[in-house]
Amino acid sequence: MTQDGGGNTLLVHNCAGTHGSSGAPLLFHDQGGWHVIGVQVQAFTNGAGGRAVPLLSQN
């Protein structure tokens, strides 16, 4: 987890997102199946990964 310049929480990930993937769901798989845990907002330019807005609050 990190924050943007406005203090909003972002989830840093290493999924294979590329430029143009903004708005795509960030998925997580466990024994219960697939879950949408965030929405992609930024892809890294130097490899896989990026930042996503988390859908669930982290308390």
N, C-alpha and C. Protein backbone atom coordinates (compact mmCIF):
# COMPACT_ATOMS: atom_id res chain seq x y z
N MET A 1 0.85 -1.17 0.00
CA MET A 1 0.00 0.00 0.00
C MET A 1 0.90 1.24 0.00
N THR A 2 0.42 2.26 -0.67
CA THR A 2 1.11 3.55 -0.71
C THR A 2 0.05 4.64 -0.81
N GLN A 3 0.48 5.87 -0.92
CA GLN A 3 -0.46 6.98 -1.07
C GLN A 3 -0.04 7.86 -2.24
N ASP A 4 -1.02 8.48 -2.89
CA ASP A 4 -0.71 9.44 -3.94
C ASP A 4 -0.45 10.80 -3.30
N GLY A 5 -0.20 11.81 -4.11
CA GLY A 5 0.11 13.14 -3.59
C GLY A 5 -1.01 13.77 -2.78
N GLY A 6 -2.24 13.31 -2.97
CA GLY A 6 -3.38 13.83 -2.22
C GLY A 6 -3.70 13.04 -0.97
N GLY A 7 -2.89 12.02 -0.66
CA GLY A 7 -3.11 11.21 0.53
C GLY A 7 -4.07 10.05 0.33
N ASN A 8 -4.48 9.78 -0.92
CA ASN A 8 -5.38 8.66 -1.21
C ASN A 8 -4.60 7.35 -1.23
N THR A 9 -5.18 6.30 -0.68
CA THR A 9 -4.54 5.00 -0.62
C THR A 9 -4.52 4.34 -2.00
N LEU A 10 -3.35 3.79 -2.37
CA LEU A 10 -3.18 3.03 -3.60
C LEU A 10 -2.54 1.69 -3.27
N LEU A 11 -2.92 0.69 -4.02
CA LEU A 11 -2.37 -0.65 -3.86
C LEU A 11 -1.31 -0.86 -4.94
N VAL A 12 -0.07 -1.11 -4.55
CA VAL A 12 1.01 -1.37 -5.50
C VAL A 12 1.01 -2.87 -5.80
N HIS A 13 1.10 -3.23 -7.08
CA HIS A 13 1.05 -4.65 -7.46
C HIS A 13 2.09 -4.96 -8.53
N ASN A 14 2.30 -6.26 -8.76
CA ASN A 14 3.26 -6.68 -9.79
C ASN A 14 2.57 -7.50 -10.89
N CYS A 15 1.28 -7.26 -11.09
CA CYS A 15 0.55 -7.94 -12.17
C CYS A 15 1.04 -7.42 -13.52
N ALA A 16 0.71 -8.14 -14.56
CA ALA A 16 1.21 -7.82 -15.89
C ALA A 16 0.40 -6.74 -16.59
N GLY A 17 0.08 -5.67 -15.89
CA GLY A 17 -0.64 -4.55 -16.50
C GLY A 17 0.29 -3.73 -17.38
N THR A 18 -0.23 -3.22 -18.47
CA THR A 18 0.56 -2.38 -19.37
C THR A 18 -0.18 -1.07 -19.58
N HIS A 19 0.46 -0.16 -20.31
CA HIS A 19 -0.21 1.11 -20.62
C HIS A 19 -1.50 0.82 -21.36
N GLY A 20 -2.52 1.56 -21.04
CA GLY A 20 -3.84 1.34 -21.61
C GLY A 20 -4.72 0.44 -20.76
N SER A 21 -4.18 -0.05 -19.64
CA SER A 21 -4.96 -0.95 -18.78
C SER A 21 -5.72 -0.22 -17.68
N SER A 22 -5.63 1.11 -17.66
CA SER A 22 -6.35 1.87 -16.64
C SER A 22 -7.84 1.57 -16.70
N GLY A 23 -8.43 1.38 -15.54
CA GLY A 23 -9.85 1.05 -15.45
C GLY A 23 -10.11 -0.44 -15.38
N ALA A 24 -9.08 -1.24 -15.64
CA ALA A 24 -9.24 -2.70 -15.59
C ALA A 24 -9.32 -3.17 -14.14
N PRO A 25 -10.02 -4.28 -13.89
CA PRO A 25 -10.09 -4.80 -12.53
C PRO A 25 -8.76 -5.45 -12.13
N LEU A 26 -8.38 -5.28 -10.88
CA LEU A 26 -7.24 -5.99 -10.31
C LEU A 26 -7.82 -7.19 -9.58
N LEU A 27 -7.46 -8.38 -10.03
CA LEU A 27 -8.06 -9.61 -9.54
C LEU A 27 -7.14 -10.35 -8.58
N PHE A 28 -7.74 -11.04 -7.61
CA PHE A 28 -7.03 -11.87 -6.64
C PHE A 28 -7.73 -13.22 -6.61
N HIS A 29 -6.94 -14.30 -6.60
CA HIS A 29 -7.53 -15.64 -6.57
C HIS A 29 -7.14 -16.34 -5.29
N ASP A 30 -8.13 -16.93 -4.62
CA ASP A 30 -7.87 -17.76 -3.46
C ASP A 30 -8.80 -18.97 -3.53
N GLN A 31 -8.90 -19.73 -2.46
CA GLN A 31 -9.73 -20.94 -2.47
C GLN A 31 -11.20 -20.64 -2.72
N GLY A 32 -11.62 -19.42 -2.44
CA GLY A 32 -13.01 -19.02 -2.66
C GLY A 32 -13.30 -18.58 -4.08
N GLY A 33 -12.27 -18.49 -4.91
CA GLY A 33 -12.45 -18.07 -6.30
C GLY A 33 -11.76 -16.75 -6.58
N TRP A 34 -12.25 -16.07 -7.60
CA TRP A 34 -11.68 -14.79 -8.03
C TRP A 34 -12.41 -13.63 -7.36
N HIS A 35 -11.64 -12.60 -6.99
CA HIS A 35 -12.20 -11.43 -6.33
C HIS A 35 -11.60 -10.18 -6.97
N VAL A 36 -12.43 -9.16 -7.20
CA VAL A 36 -11.94 -7.87 -7.66
C VAL A 36 -11.52 -7.09 -6.42
N ILE A 37 -10.22 -6.73 -6.34
CA ILE A 37 -9.74 -6.03 -5.15
C ILE A 37 -9.35 -4.58 -5.43
N GLY A 38 -9.35 -4.20 -6.71
CA GLY A 38 -9.00 -2.82 -7.04
C GLY A 38 -9.24 -2.52 -8.50
N VAL A 39 -8.99 -1.25 -8.85
CA VAL A 39 -9.12 -0.80 -10.23
C VAL A 39 -7.80 -0.16 -10.63
N GLN A 40 -7.22 -0.64 -11.72
CA GLN A 40 -5.93 -0.17 -12.22
C GLN A 40 -5.98 1.31 -12.57
N VAL A 41 -5.00 2.09 -12.07
CA VAL A 41 -4.93 3.51 -12.40
C VAL A 41 -3.59 3.92 -12.99
N GLN A 42 -2.55 3.08 -12.82
CA GLN A 42 -1.23 3.45 -13.35
C GLN A 42 -0.41 2.19 -13.58
N ALA A 43 0.19 2.07 -14.77
CA ALA A 43 1.10 0.97 -15.06
C ALA A 43 2.54 1.47 -14.92
N PHE A 44 3.42 0.63 -14.42
CA PHE A 44 4.83 0.98 -14.35
C PHE A 44 5.42 0.99 -15.76
N THR A 45 6.40 1.82 -15.99
CA THR A 45 7.01 1.91 -17.32
C THR A 45 8.20 0.97 -17.48
N ASN A 46 8.73 0.46 -16.38
CA ASN A 46 9.95 -0.35 -16.44
C ASN A 46 9.71 -1.82 -16.09
N GLY A 47 8.53 -2.34 -16.37
CA GLY A 47 8.24 -3.74 -16.09
C GLY A 47 6.81 -3.93 -15.65
N ALA A 48 6.50 -5.17 -15.28
CA ALA A 48 5.13 -5.50 -14.86
C ALA A 48 4.78 -4.78 -13.57
N GLY A 49 3.53 -4.46 -13.43
CA GLY A 49 3.05 -3.87 -12.18
C GLY A 49 2.51 -2.48 -12.36
N GLY A 50 2.03 -1.95 -11.25
CA GLY A 50 1.48 -0.61 -11.26
C GLY A 50 0.80 -0.30 -9.96
N ARG A 51 -0.15 0.62 -10.03
CA ARG A 51 -0.91 1.04 -8.86
C ARG A 51 -2.39 0.93 -9.17
N ALA A 52 -3.16 0.58 -8.15
CA ALA A 52 -4.60 0.44 -8.29
C ALA A 52 -5.29 1.08 -7.10
N VAL A 53 -6.50 1.56 -7.31
CA VAL A 53 -7.33 2.06 -6.23
C VAL A 53 -7.98 0.83 -5.59
N PRO A 54 -7.74 0.59 -4.29
CA PRO A 54 -8.35 -0.58 -3.64
C PRO A 54 -9.85 -0.40 -3.48
N LEU A 55 -10.60 -1.50 -3.61
CA LEU A 55 -12.05 -1.43 -3.44
C LEU A 55 -12.48 -1.62 -2.00
N LEU A 56 -11.65 -2.27 -1.19
CA LEU A 56 -11.97 -2.49 0.22
C LEU A 56 -11.05 -1.64 1.07
N SER A 57 -11.58 -1.05 2.12
CA SER A 57 -10.74 -0.25 3.01
C SER A 57 -9.86 -1.18 3.82
N GLN A 58 -8.67 -0.72 4.14
CA GLN A 58 -7.72 -1.49 4.93
C GLN A 58 -7.68 -0.89 6.34
N ASN A 59 -8.38 -1.51 7.27
CA ASN A 59 -8.43 -1.00 8.65
C ASN A 59 -7.47 -1.75 9.52
